[in-house]
Amino acid sequence: MQQTSFYSEEELAALGLKSYGKNVKLSRFARIYSTDHITMGNNVRIDDFCILSGNITLGSNIHISPYTVLYGALGIVMENNTGISARGIVYSAMDDFSGDYLIGPIHEEAKTHVTGGPVIIKRFSQIGANCVIFPNLTIGEGVAVGACSLINKSLDSWGIYVGTPARFLKKRSQKLLDLI
C-alpha cells in the first residue's frame, strides 16, 4: 500500500469544505480553518504546512507551495492556473498599526481597527517565494511577481513585478495561453 501525505477522497469529503473538484491534493500537514467558507476547483494541490483561513475561493489548476498562508477574512480569490510559491502570505484584512488601536484578535473589536478587502489573483498569475500581499487589491491576469516582493497595490495584467514595494519590471509573454 502506497502512503501519501495527502488526504484520501473520503477524508477530504469529511473536512466539510464548501465545495471541491476532482484531483484535489490537500496535505494532511496543512491547517484549514472555516472549511465551510472554502471552495476548490479541479487539480488543486496544497502542500505541507500551509494555513488557509476565512473566505477563500480557489479555481482549477492551482498549486500552493509549502508554508504559504492565506488569511481570507475579507475574501481571497485565486483564479484558474495560478500559484503561490513557498512562504507566501496573503492578507485580506489588516490591523491598524498607528498606535491608536490594539492589535490582534485577542482584543475587543471596539478597541481594534481592522481594514481591508478582497484579494483577487487573476488567471495565469504566479507569486514568487516569500512574497507578502496586502489586502484590497487585484493582481492582474498573467502577472509574475519575483521572490521576496511586497505587493501593496493592484498590479496591471501581463507584467513582471519585483521588489519592496513591487514595481513593474517588464512585460510578460502571453505564449502560455497557447498551451491551454
N, C-alpha and C. Protein backbone atom coordinates (compact mmCIF):
# COMPACT_ATOMS: atom_id res chain seq x y z
N MET A 1 0.83 -1.18 0.00
CA MET A 1 0.00 0.00 0.00
C MET A 1 0.88 1.25 0.00
N GLN A 2 0.60 2.14 -0.94
CA GLN A 2 1.37 3.38 -1.04
C GLN A 2 0.83 4.41 -0.05
N GLN A 3 1.72 4.99 0.74
CA GLN A 3 1.30 6.02 1.67
C GLN A 3 1.53 7.38 1.05
N THR A 4 0.69 8.33 1.44
CA THR A 4 0.79 9.68 0.93
C THR A 4 0.48 10.65 2.05
N SER A 5 1.02 11.84 1.94
CA SER A 5 0.72 12.86 2.95
C SER A 5 -0.55 13.63 2.59
N PHE A 6 -1.20 13.28 1.47
CA PHE A 6 -2.43 13.95 1.08
C PHE A 6 -3.65 13.19 1.60
N TYR A 7 -4.70 13.94 1.91
CA TYR A 7 -5.96 13.32 2.34
C TYR A 7 -6.51 12.42 1.25
N SER A 8 -7.11 11.32 1.65
CA SER A 8 -7.82 10.47 0.71
C SER A 8 -9.13 11.17 0.32
N GLU A 9 -9.79 10.66 -0.68
CA GLU A 9 -11.07 11.23 -1.12
C GLU A 9 -12.08 11.21 0.02
N GLU A 10 -12.13 10.12 0.77
CA GLU A 10 -13.07 10.01 1.89
C GLU A 10 -12.74 11.03 2.99
N GLU A 11 -11.47 11.18 3.30
CA GLU A 11 -11.05 12.15 4.32
C GLU A 11 -11.32 13.58 3.87
N LEU A 12 -11.08 13.86 2.60
CA LEU A 12 -11.34 15.18 2.05
C LEU A 12 -12.82 15.52 2.17
N ALA A 13 -13.68 14.57 1.86
CA ALA A 13 -15.13 14.79 1.96
C ALA A 13 -15.55 15.09 3.40
N ALA A 14 -14.87 14.49 4.35
CA ALA A 14 -15.22 14.67 5.76
C ALA A 14 -14.76 16.01 6.34
N LEU A 15 -13.92 16.74 5.62
CA LEU A 15 -13.41 18.02 6.13
C LEU A 15 -14.48 19.10 6.21
N GLY A 16 -15.51 18.99 5.38
CA GLY A 16 -16.57 19.98 5.40
C GLY A 16 -16.33 21.20 4.54
N LEU A 17 -15.52 21.06 3.50
CA LEU A 17 -15.30 22.17 2.58
C LEU A 17 -16.62 22.56 1.92
N LYS A 18 -16.77 23.84 1.60
CA LYS A 18 -17.98 24.31 0.93
C LYS A 18 -18.18 23.54 -0.38
N SER A 19 -17.09 23.41 -1.16
CA SER A 19 -17.10 22.56 -2.35
C SER A 19 -15.67 22.32 -2.80
N TYR A 20 -15.49 21.25 -3.56
CA TYR A 20 -14.18 20.96 -4.13
C TYR A 20 -14.38 20.10 -5.36
N GLY A 21 -13.41 20.17 -6.27
CA GLY A 21 -13.48 19.44 -7.52
C GLY A 21 -12.72 18.13 -7.48
N LYS A 22 -12.31 17.69 -8.66
CA LYS A 22 -11.58 16.44 -8.81
C LYS A 22 -10.08 16.68 -8.69
N ASN A 23 -9.39 15.65 -8.26
CA ASN A 23 -7.93 15.66 -8.16
C ASN A 23 -7.43 16.78 -7.24
N VAL A 24 -8.08 16.92 -6.09
CA VAL A 24 -7.63 17.87 -5.07
C VAL A 24 -6.65 17.14 -4.16
N LYS A 25 -5.46 17.67 -4.05
CA LYS A 25 -4.42 17.10 -3.19
C LYS A 25 -4.14 18.10 -2.08
N LEU A 26 -4.66 17.78 -0.91
CA LEU A 26 -4.53 18.64 0.26
C LEU A 26 -3.70 17.91 1.31
N SER A 27 -2.57 18.49 1.67
CA SER A 27 -1.67 17.84 2.63
C SER A 27 -2.33 17.67 3.99
N ARG A 28 -2.09 16.54 4.60
CA ARG A 28 -2.54 16.30 5.97
C ARG A 28 -1.85 17.24 6.94
N PHE A 29 -0.74 17.84 6.53
CA PHE A 29 0.03 18.73 7.39
C PHE A 29 -0.33 20.20 7.19
N ALA A 30 -1.29 20.48 6.33
CA ALA A 30 -1.81 21.84 6.17
C ALA A 30 -2.89 22.06 7.23
N ARG A 31 -3.14 23.30 7.57
CA ARG A 31 -4.21 23.64 8.53
C ARG A 31 -5.27 24.43 7.78
N ILE A 32 -6.50 23.93 7.84
CA ILE A 32 -7.62 24.55 7.15
C ILE A 32 -8.66 24.94 8.19
N TYR A 33 -8.95 26.24 8.27
CA TYR A 33 -9.95 26.75 9.21
C TYR A 33 -11.12 27.30 8.42
N SER A 34 -12.28 27.35 9.04
CA SER A 34 -13.53 27.80 8.41
C SER A 34 -13.75 27.08 7.07
N THR A 35 -13.69 25.76 7.13
CA THR A 35 -13.79 24.94 5.92
C THR A 35 -15.07 25.21 5.14
N ASP A 36 -16.14 25.58 5.83
CA ASP A 36 -17.41 25.81 5.15
C ASP A 36 -17.41 27.10 4.32
N HIS A 37 -16.31 27.84 4.33
CA HIS A 37 -16.16 29.06 3.53
C HIS A 37 -15.08 28.91 2.46
N ILE A 38 -14.62 27.69 2.24
CA ILE A 38 -13.52 27.46 1.30
C ILE A 38 -14.00 26.57 0.16
N THR A 39 -13.73 27.03 -1.08
CA THR A 39 -14.05 26.25 -2.27
C THR A 39 -12.78 26.02 -3.07
N MET A 40 -12.71 24.86 -3.71
CA MET A 40 -11.56 24.50 -4.54
C MET A 40 -12.06 23.86 -5.81
N GLY A 41 -11.46 24.24 -6.94
CA GLY A 41 -11.80 23.64 -8.22
C GLY A 41 -11.06 22.33 -8.42
N ASN A 42 -10.83 21.98 -9.67
CA ASN A 42 -10.13 20.75 -10.05
C ASN A 42 -8.63 20.98 -10.07
N ASN A 43 -7.88 19.91 -9.82
CA ASN A 43 -6.42 19.93 -9.91
C ASN A 43 -5.81 21.01 -9.02
N VAL A 44 -6.18 20.97 -7.76
CA VAL A 44 -5.64 21.88 -6.76
C VAL A 44 -4.70 21.09 -5.86
N ARG A 45 -3.53 21.64 -5.64
CA ARG A 45 -2.57 20.99 -4.73
C ARG A 45 -2.14 22.01 -3.68
N ILE A 46 -2.32 21.63 -2.42
CA ILE A 46 -1.92 22.46 -1.28
C ILE A 46 -0.93 21.64 -0.47
N ASP A 47 0.30 22.14 -0.40
CA ASP A 47 1.39 21.38 0.19
C ASP A 47 1.45 21.51 1.72
N ASP A 48 2.44 20.84 2.30
CA ASP A 48 2.64 20.81 3.75
C ASP A 48 2.77 22.20 4.36
N PHE A 49 2.27 22.31 5.58
CA PHE A 49 2.45 23.46 6.46
C PHE A 49 1.84 24.76 5.95
N CYS A 50 0.83 24.66 5.09
CA CYS A 50 0.08 25.84 4.67
C CYS A 50 -1.04 26.10 5.67
N ILE A 51 -1.50 27.34 5.73
CA ILE A 51 -2.67 27.71 6.54
C ILE A 51 -3.65 28.42 5.62
N LEU A 52 -4.89 27.94 5.61
CA LEU A 52 -5.98 28.60 4.88
C LEU A 52 -7.07 28.91 5.88
N SER A 53 -7.49 30.16 5.93
CA SER A 53 -8.49 30.58 6.90
C SER A 53 -9.37 31.65 6.29
N GLY A 54 -10.67 31.54 6.48
CA GLY A 54 -11.60 32.57 6.02
C GLY A 54 -12.27 32.22 4.71
N ASN A 55 -12.67 33.25 4.00
CA ASN A 55 -13.41 33.12 2.75
C ASN A 55 -12.42 33.00 1.59
N ILE A 56 -12.24 31.79 1.11
CA ILE A 56 -11.23 31.53 0.08
C ILE A 56 -11.87 30.75 -1.06
N THR A 57 -11.65 31.25 -2.28
CA THR A 57 -12.12 30.57 -3.48
C THR A 57 -10.91 30.28 -4.35
N LEU A 58 -10.65 29.00 -4.58
CA LEU A 58 -9.56 28.58 -5.44
C LEU A 58 -10.15 27.98 -6.70
N GLY A 59 -9.73 28.48 -7.86
CA GLY A 59 -10.17 27.92 -9.13
C GLY A 59 -9.51 26.58 -9.37
N SER A 60 -9.30 26.27 -10.64
CA SER A 60 -8.69 24.99 -11.03
C SER A 60 -7.24 25.19 -11.44
N ASN A 61 -6.47 24.11 -11.37
CA ASN A 61 -5.06 24.10 -11.77
C ASN A 61 -4.25 25.09 -10.93
N ILE A 62 -4.31 24.91 -9.63
CA ILE A 62 -3.65 25.80 -8.68
C ILE A 62 -2.69 25.00 -7.82
N HIS A 63 -1.51 25.59 -7.59
CA HIS A 63 -0.54 25.00 -6.66
C HIS A 63 -0.20 26.03 -5.60
N ILE A 64 -0.34 25.63 -4.34
CA ILE A 64 0.05 26.45 -3.20
C ILE A 64 1.18 25.71 -2.50
N SER A 65 2.36 26.31 -2.55
CA SER A 65 3.59 25.67 -2.06
C SER A 65 3.68 25.68 -0.54
N PRO A 66 4.61 24.91 0.01
CA PRO A 66 4.72 24.79 1.47
C PRO A 66 4.88 26.13 2.19
N TYR A 67 4.36 26.15 3.39
CA TYR A 67 4.46 27.28 4.33
C TYR A 67 3.74 28.54 3.85
N THR A 68 2.84 28.43 2.91
CA THR A 68 2.07 29.58 2.44
C THR A 68 0.86 29.78 3.35
N VAL A 69 0.49 31.05 3.56
CA VAL A 69 -0.63 31.38 4.43
C VAL A 69 -1.62 32.26 3.67
N LEU A 70 -2.89 31.87 3.68
CA LEU A 70 -3.96 32.67 3.09
C LEU A 70 -4.92 33.07 4.21
N TYR A 71 -4.89 34.35 4.57
CA TYR A 71 -5.80 34.90 5.59
C TYR A 71 -6.96 35.57 4.86
N GLY A 72 -8.06 34.86 4.73
CA GLY A 72 -9.16 35.31 3.89
C GLY A 72 -10.34 35.89 4.62
N ALA A 73 -10.16 36.60 5.72
CA ALA A 73 -11.29 37.16 6.48
C ALA A 73 -12.23 37.96 5.59
N LEU A 74 -11.68 38.76 4.67
CA LEU A 74 -12.49 39.59 3.78
C LEU A 74 -12.46 39.10 2.34
N GLY A 75 -11.94 37.90 2.13
CA GLY A 75 -12.02 37.25 0.83
C GLY A 75 -10.71 37.18 0.07
N ILE A 76 -10.41 35.99 -0.42
CA ILE A 76 -9.30 35.75 -1.33
C ILE A 76 -9.83 34.90 -2.47
N VAL A 77 -9.54 35.32 -3.71
CA VAL A 77 -9.91 34.55 -4.89
C VAL A 77 -8.65 34.32 -5.71
N MET A 78 -8.35 33.06 -5.97
CA MET A 78 -7.28 32.70 -6.90
C MET A 78 -7.96 32.04 -8.10
N GLU A 79 -7.88 32.72 -9.25
CA GLU A 79 -8.50 32.19 -10.45
C GLU A 79 -7.67 31.03 -11.02
N ASN A 80 -8.16 30.42 -12.08
CA ASN A 80 -7.53 29.25 -12.68
C ASN A 80 -6.08 29.51 -13.08
N ASN A 81 -5.28 28.46 -12.98
CA ASN A 81 -3.89 28.48 -13.43
C ASN A 81 -3.05 29.53 -12.71
N THR A 82 -3.19 29.57 -11.40
CA THR A 82 -2.39 30.48 -10.58
C THR A 82 -1.63 29.68 -9.55
N GLY A 83 -0.68 30.33 -8.90
CA GLY A 83 0.06 29.65 -7.86
C GLY A 83 0.80 30.62 -6.96
N ILE A 84 1.14 30.12 -5.79
CA ILE A 84 1.94 30.88 -4.84
C ILE A 84 3.09 29.99 -4.40
N SER A 85 4.30 30.50 -4.55
CA SER A 85 5.49 29.74 -4.16
C SER A 85 5.66 29.76 -2.65
N ALA A 86 6.62 29.01 -2.18
CA ALA A 86 6.82 28.77 -0.75
C ALA A 86 6.91 30.06 0.06
N ARG A 87 6.28 30.00 1.24
CA ARG A 87 6.33 31.04 2.26
C ARG A 87 5.66 32.35 1.86
N GLY A 88 4.72 32.30 0.92
CA GLY A 88 3.95 33.49 0.59
C GLY A 88 2.87 33.72 1.63
N ILE A 89 2.49 35.00 1.81
CA ILE A 89 1.42 35.34 2.75
C ILE A 89 0.47 36.30 2.05
N VAL A 90 -0.82 35.98 2.11
CA VAL A 90 -1.85 36.83 1.53
C VAL A 90 -2.77 37.28 2.66
N TYR A 91 -2.90 38.60 2.83
CA TYR A 91 -3.77 39.19 3.85
C TYR A 91 -4.95 39.86 3.16
N SER A 92 -6.17 39.52 3.56
CA SER A 92 -7.33 40.27 3.07
C SER A 92 -7.81 41.27 4.11
N ALA A 93 -7.27 41.21 5.30
CA ALA A 93 -7.58 42.16 6.37
C ALA A 93 -6.30 42.45 7.13
N MET A 94 -6.22 43.66 7.69
CA MET A 94 -5.00 44.06 8.37
C MET A 94 -5.33 44.98 9.54
N ASP A 95 -4.61 44.78 10.63
CA ASP A 95 -4.76 45.66 11.78
C ASP A 95 -4.19 47.04 11.49
N ASP A 96 -4.64 48.02 12.26
CA ASP A 96 -4.14 49.39 12.21
C ASP A 96 -2.97 49.49 13.19
N PHE A 97 -1.78 49.75 12.69
CA PHE A 97 -0.57 49.80 13.49
C PHE A 97 -0.20 51.22 13.90
N SER A 98 -1.12 52.18 13.77
CA SER A 98 -0.84 53.59 14.05
C SER A 98 -0.55 53.87 15.52
N GLY A 99 -0.99 52.99 16.39
CA GLY A 99 -0.88 53.22 17.82
C GLY A 99 -2.18 53.69 18.44
N ASP A 100 -3.16 53.94 17.61
CA ASP A 100 -4.48 54.40 18.08
C ASP A 100 -5.36 53.23 18.53
N TYR A 101 -4.97 52.01 18.19
CA TYR A 101 -5.80 50.84 18.46
C TYR A 101 -4.93 49.69 18.96
N LEU A 102 -5.57 48.72 19.59
CA LEU A 102 -4.90 47.48 19.94
C LEU A 102 -4.83 46.59 18.71
N ILE A 103 -3.90 45.66 18.73
CA ILE A 103 -3.65 44.82 17.56
C ILE A 103 -3.88 43.36 17.92
N GLY A 104 -4.64 42.67 17.08
CA GLY A 104 -4.80 41.23 17.21
C GLY A 104 -6.20 40.80 17.60
N PRO A 105 -6.51 39.55 17.33
CA PRO A 105 -7.86 39.02 17.57
C PRO A 105 -8.17 38.76 19.04
N ILE A 106 -7.22 38.96 19.91
CA ILE A 106 -7.43 38.72 21.34
C ILE A 106 -8.12 39.88 22.03
N HIS A 107 -8.27 41.02 21.32
CA HIS A 107 -8.85 42.22 21.92
C HIS A 107 -10.29 42.42 21.47
N GLU A 108 -11.04 43.17 22.26
CA GLU A 108 -12.41 43.52 21.89
C GLU A 108 -12.40 44.25 20.55
N GLU A 109 -13.38 43.95 19.71
CA GLU A 109 -13.47 44.55 18.39
C GLU A 109 -13.50 46.07 18.46
N ALA A 110 -14.16 46.64 19.48
CA ALA A 110 -14.26 48.09 19.62
C ALA A 110 -12.91 48.75 19.88
N LYS A 111 -11.92 47.99 20.30
CA LYS A 111 -10.60 48.55 20.61
C LYS A 111 -9.58 48.29 19.50
N THR A 112 -10.04 47.68 18.41
CA THR A 112 -9.17 47.42 17.26
C THR A 112 -9.72 48.15 16.05
N HIS A 113 -8.93 48.21 15.01
CA HIS A 113 -9.38 48.83 13.75
C HIS A 113 -8.82 47.99 12.60
N VAL A 114 -9.62 47.05 12.15
CA VAL A 114 -9.21 46.15 11.07
C VAL A 114 -9.80 46.68 9.77
N THR A 115 -8.95 46.82 8.77
CA THR A 115 -9.40 47.27 7.45
C THR A 115 -8.96 46.26 6.41
N GLY A 116 -9.44 46.43 5.20
CA GLY A 116 -9.01 45.55 4.12
C GLY A 116 -10.08 45.38 3.08
N GLY A 117 -9.97 44.31 2.37
CA GLY A 117 -10.90 43.97 1.30
C GLY A 117 -10.36 42.77 0.56
N PRO A 118 -11.12 42.28 -0.40
CA PRO A 118 -10.73 41.06 -1.11
C PRO A 118 -9.41 41.19 -1.86
N VAL A 119 -8.71 40.09 -1.93
CA VAL A 119 -7.52 39.96 -2.78
C VAL A 119 -7.92 39.05 -3.93
N ILE A 120 -7.75 39.55 -5.15
CA ILE A 120 -8.09 38.78 -6.34
C ILE A 120 -6.79 38.53 -7.11
N ILE A 121 -6.49 37.27 -7.35
CA ILE A 121 -5.33 36.90 -8.16
C ILE A 121 -5.89 36.32 -9.46
N LYS A 122 -5.77 37.10 -10.53
CA LYS A 122 -6.37 36.73 -11.82
C LYS A 122 -5.62 35.57 -12.47
N ARG A 123 -6.27 34.93 -13.41
CA ARG A 123 -5.77 33.71 -14.05
C ARG A 123 -4.37 33.90 -14.64
N PHE A 124 -3.61 32.82 -14.61
CA PHE A 124 -2.26 32.71 -15.15
C PHE A 124 -1.22 33.55 -14.39
N SER A 125 -1.54 33.97 -13.19
CA SER A 125 -0.57 34.72 -12.39
C SER A 125 0.19 33.79 -11.45
N GLN A 126 1.42 34.16 -11.18
CA GLN A 126 2.28 33.37 -10.30
C GLN A 126 2.97 34.30 -9.33
N ILE A 127 2.90 33.95 -8.05
CA ILE A 127 3.51 34.73 -6.99
C ILE A 127 4.77 33.99 -6.54
N GLY A 128 5.91 34.68 -6.52
CA GLY A 128 7.18 34.07 -6.15
C GLY A 128 7.29 33.78 -4.66
N ALA A 129 8.36 33.11 -4.29
CA ALA A 129 8.61 32.71 -2.90
C ALA A 129 8.77 33.93 -2.00
N ASN A 130 8.30 33.80 -0.78
CA ASN A 130 8.47 34.81 0.27
C ASN A 130 7.82 36.16 -0.06
N CYS A 131 6.77 36.16 -0.85
CA CYS A 131 6.06 37.41 -1.15
C CYS A 131 4.99 37.66 -0.10
N VAL A 132 4.69 38.94 0.12
CA VAL A 132 3.61 39.36 1.01
C VAL A 132 2.63 40.18 0.19
N ILE A 133 1.36 39.83 0.28
CA ILE A 133 0.31 40.54 -0.45
C ILE A 133 -0.62 41.20 0.55
N PHE A 134 -0.77 42.51 0.42
CA PHE A 134 -1.65 43.29 1.29
C PHE A 134 -3.10 43.17 0.83
N PRO A 135 -4.05 43.60 1.68
CA PRO A 135 -5.47 43.49 1.38
C PRO A 135 -5.95 44.46 0.29
N ASN A 136 -7.14 44.14 -0.21
CA ASN A 136 -7.92 45.05 -1.05
C ASN A 136 -7.19 45.41 -2.34
N LEU A 137 -6.78 44.40 -3.10
CA LEU A 137 -6.11 44.67 -4.36
C LEU A 137 -6.35 43.53 -5.33
N THR A 138 -6.01 43.80 -6.60
CA THR A 138 -6.14 42.80 -7.66
C THR A 138 -4.80 42.64 -8.35
N ILE A 139 -4.38 41.41 -8.49
CA ILE A 139 -3.20 41.08 -9.28
C ILE A 139 -3.72 40.65 -10.64
N GLY A 140 -3.40 41.45 -11.66
CA GLY A 140 -3.96 41.26 -12.99
C GLY A 140 -3.60 39.93 -13.63
N GLU A 141 -4.32 39.62 -14.69
CA GLU A 141 -4.11 38.39 -15.43
C GLU A 141 -2.66 38.28 -15.91
N GLY A 142 -2.09 37.08 -15.76
CA GLY A 142 -0.78 36.79 -16.31
C GLY A 142 0.39 37.44 -15.62
N VAL A 143 0.21 37.95 -14.43
CA VAL A 143 1.29 38.62 -13.72
C VAL A 143 2.25 37.59 -13.12
N ALA A 144 3.53 37.91 -13.12
CA ALA A 144 4.54 37.14 -12.39
C ALA A 144 5.20 38.10 -11.41
N VAL A 145 5.25 37.68 -10.14
CA VAL A 145 5.86 38.50 -9.11
C VAL A 145 7.11 37.79 -8.63
N GLY A 146 8.23 38.52 -8.62
CA GLY A 146 9.51 37.96 -8.21
C GLY A 146 9.56 37.68 -6.72
N ALA A 147 10.45 36.79 -6.34
CA ALA A 147 10.61 36.38 -4.94
C ALA A 147 10.88 37.59 -4.04
N CYS A 148 10.40 37.48 -2.81
CA CYS A 148 10.64 38.47 -1.76
C CYS A 148 10.04 39.84 -2.07
N SER A 149 8.97 39.89 -2.83
CA SER A 149 8.33 41.16 -3.17
C SER A 149 7.18 41.46 -2.21
N LEU A 150 6.88 42.73 -2.06
CA LEU A 150 5.75 43.21 -1.27
C LEU A 150 4.74 43.82 -2.23
N ILE A 151 3.56 43.22 -2.29
CA ILE A 151 2.51 43.72 -3.18
C ILE A 151 1.53 44.52 -2.31
N ASN A 152 1.58 45.84 -2.44
CA ASN A 152 0.73 46.70 -1.62
C ASN A 152 -0.24 47.53 -2.44
N LYS A 153 -0.31 47.25 -3.76
CA LYS A 153 -1.28 47.89 -4.64
C LYS A 153 -1.58 46.95 -5.79
N SER A 154 -2.65 47.21 -6.49
CA SER A 154 -3.03 46.37 -7.63
C SER A 154 -1.96 46.40 -8.71
N LEU A 155 -1.81 45.28 -9.41
CA LEU A 155 -0.81 45.15 -10.47
C LEU A 155 -1.51 44.93 -11.80
N ASP A 156 -1.05 45.63 -12.84
CA ASP A 156 -1.63 45.52 -14.17
C ASP A 156 -1.29 44.18 -14.81
N SER A 157 -2.16 43.73 -15.69
CA SER A 157 -2.03 42.43 -16.35
C SER A 157 -0.75 42.31 -17.17
N TRP A 158 -0.28 41.08 -17.27
CA TRP A 158 0.82 40.65 -18.12
C TRP A 158 2.09 41.46 -17.91
N GLY A 159 2.41 41.65 -16.65
CA GLY A 159 3.67 42.29 -16.29
C GLY A 159 4.46 41.41 -15.34
N ILE A 160 5.75 41.67 -15.28
CA ILE A 160 6.62 41.05 -14.29
C ILE A 160 6.96 42.15 -13.29
N TYR A 161 6.74 41.85 -12.01
CA TYR A 161 6.93 42.83 -10.95
C TYR A 161 7.91 42.28 -9.93
N VAL A 162 8.74 43.18 -9.37
CA VAL A 162 9.72 42.77 -8.36
C VAL A 162 9.90 43.88 -7.34
N GLY A 163 10.35 43.50 -6.17
CA GLY A 163 10.80 44.49 -5.20
C GLY A 163 9.86 44.74 -4.05
N THR A 164 10.32 45.65 -3.17
CA THR A 164 9.58 46.04 -1.97
C THR A 164 9.53 47.54 -1.89
N PRO A 165 8.41 48.15 -2.26
CA PRO A 165 7.21 47.52 -2.81
C PRO A 165 7.41 47.07 -4.26
N ALA A 166 6.56 46.17 -4.71
CA ALA A 166 6.68 45.63 -6.07
C ALA A 166 6.52 46.75 -7.09
N ARG A 167 7.40 46.72 -8.10
CA ARG A 167 7.34 47.68 -9.18
C ARG A 167 7.42 46.93 -10.51
N PHE A 168 6.89 47.54 -11.55
CA PHE A 168 6.89 46.94 -12.88
C PHE A 168 8.32 46.80 -13.38
N LEU A 169 8.67 45.60 -13.85
CA LEU A 169 9.99 45.36 -14.43
C LEU A 169 9.91 45.34 -15.95
N LYS A 170 9.02 44.49 -16.48
CA LYS A 170 8.85 44.39 -17.92
C LYS A 170 7.57 43.63 -18.24
N LYS A 171 7.18 43.62 -19.50
CA LYS A 171 6.02 42.87 -19.94
C LYS A 171 6.33 41.37 -19.89
N ARG A 172 5.29 40.59 -19.64
CA ARG A 172 5.42 39.14 -19.61
C ARG A 172 4.82 38.56 -20.89
N SER A 173 5.46 37.55 -21.43
CA SER A 173 4.96 36.87 -22.62
C SER A 173 3.59 36.24 -22.35
N GLN A 174 2.75 36.24 -23.36
CA GLN A 174 1.44 35.59 -23.25
C GLN A 174 1.41 34.25 -23.99
N LYS A 175 2.57 33.75 -24.36
CA LYS A 175 2.66 32.49 -25.10
C LYS A 175 2.03 31.33 -24.32
N LEU A 176 2.06 31.40 -23.00
CA LEU A 176 1.48 30.31 -22.21
C LEU A 176 -0.01 30.10 -22.48
N LEU A 177 -0.68 31.12 -22.99
CA LEU A 177 -2.10 30.97 -23.33
C LEU A 177 -2.29 29.92 -24.44
N ASP A 178 -1.29 29.75 -25.29
CA ASP A 178 -1.36 28.76 -26.37
C ASP A 178 -1.24 27.34 -25.85
N LEU A 179 -0.81 27.18 -24.59
CA LEU A 179 -0.59 25.85 -24.01
C LEU A 179 -1.86 25.27 -23.40
N ILE A 180 -2.88 26.07 -23.28
CA ILE A 180 -4.13 25.61 -22.66
C ILE A 180 -5.02 24.93 -23.68
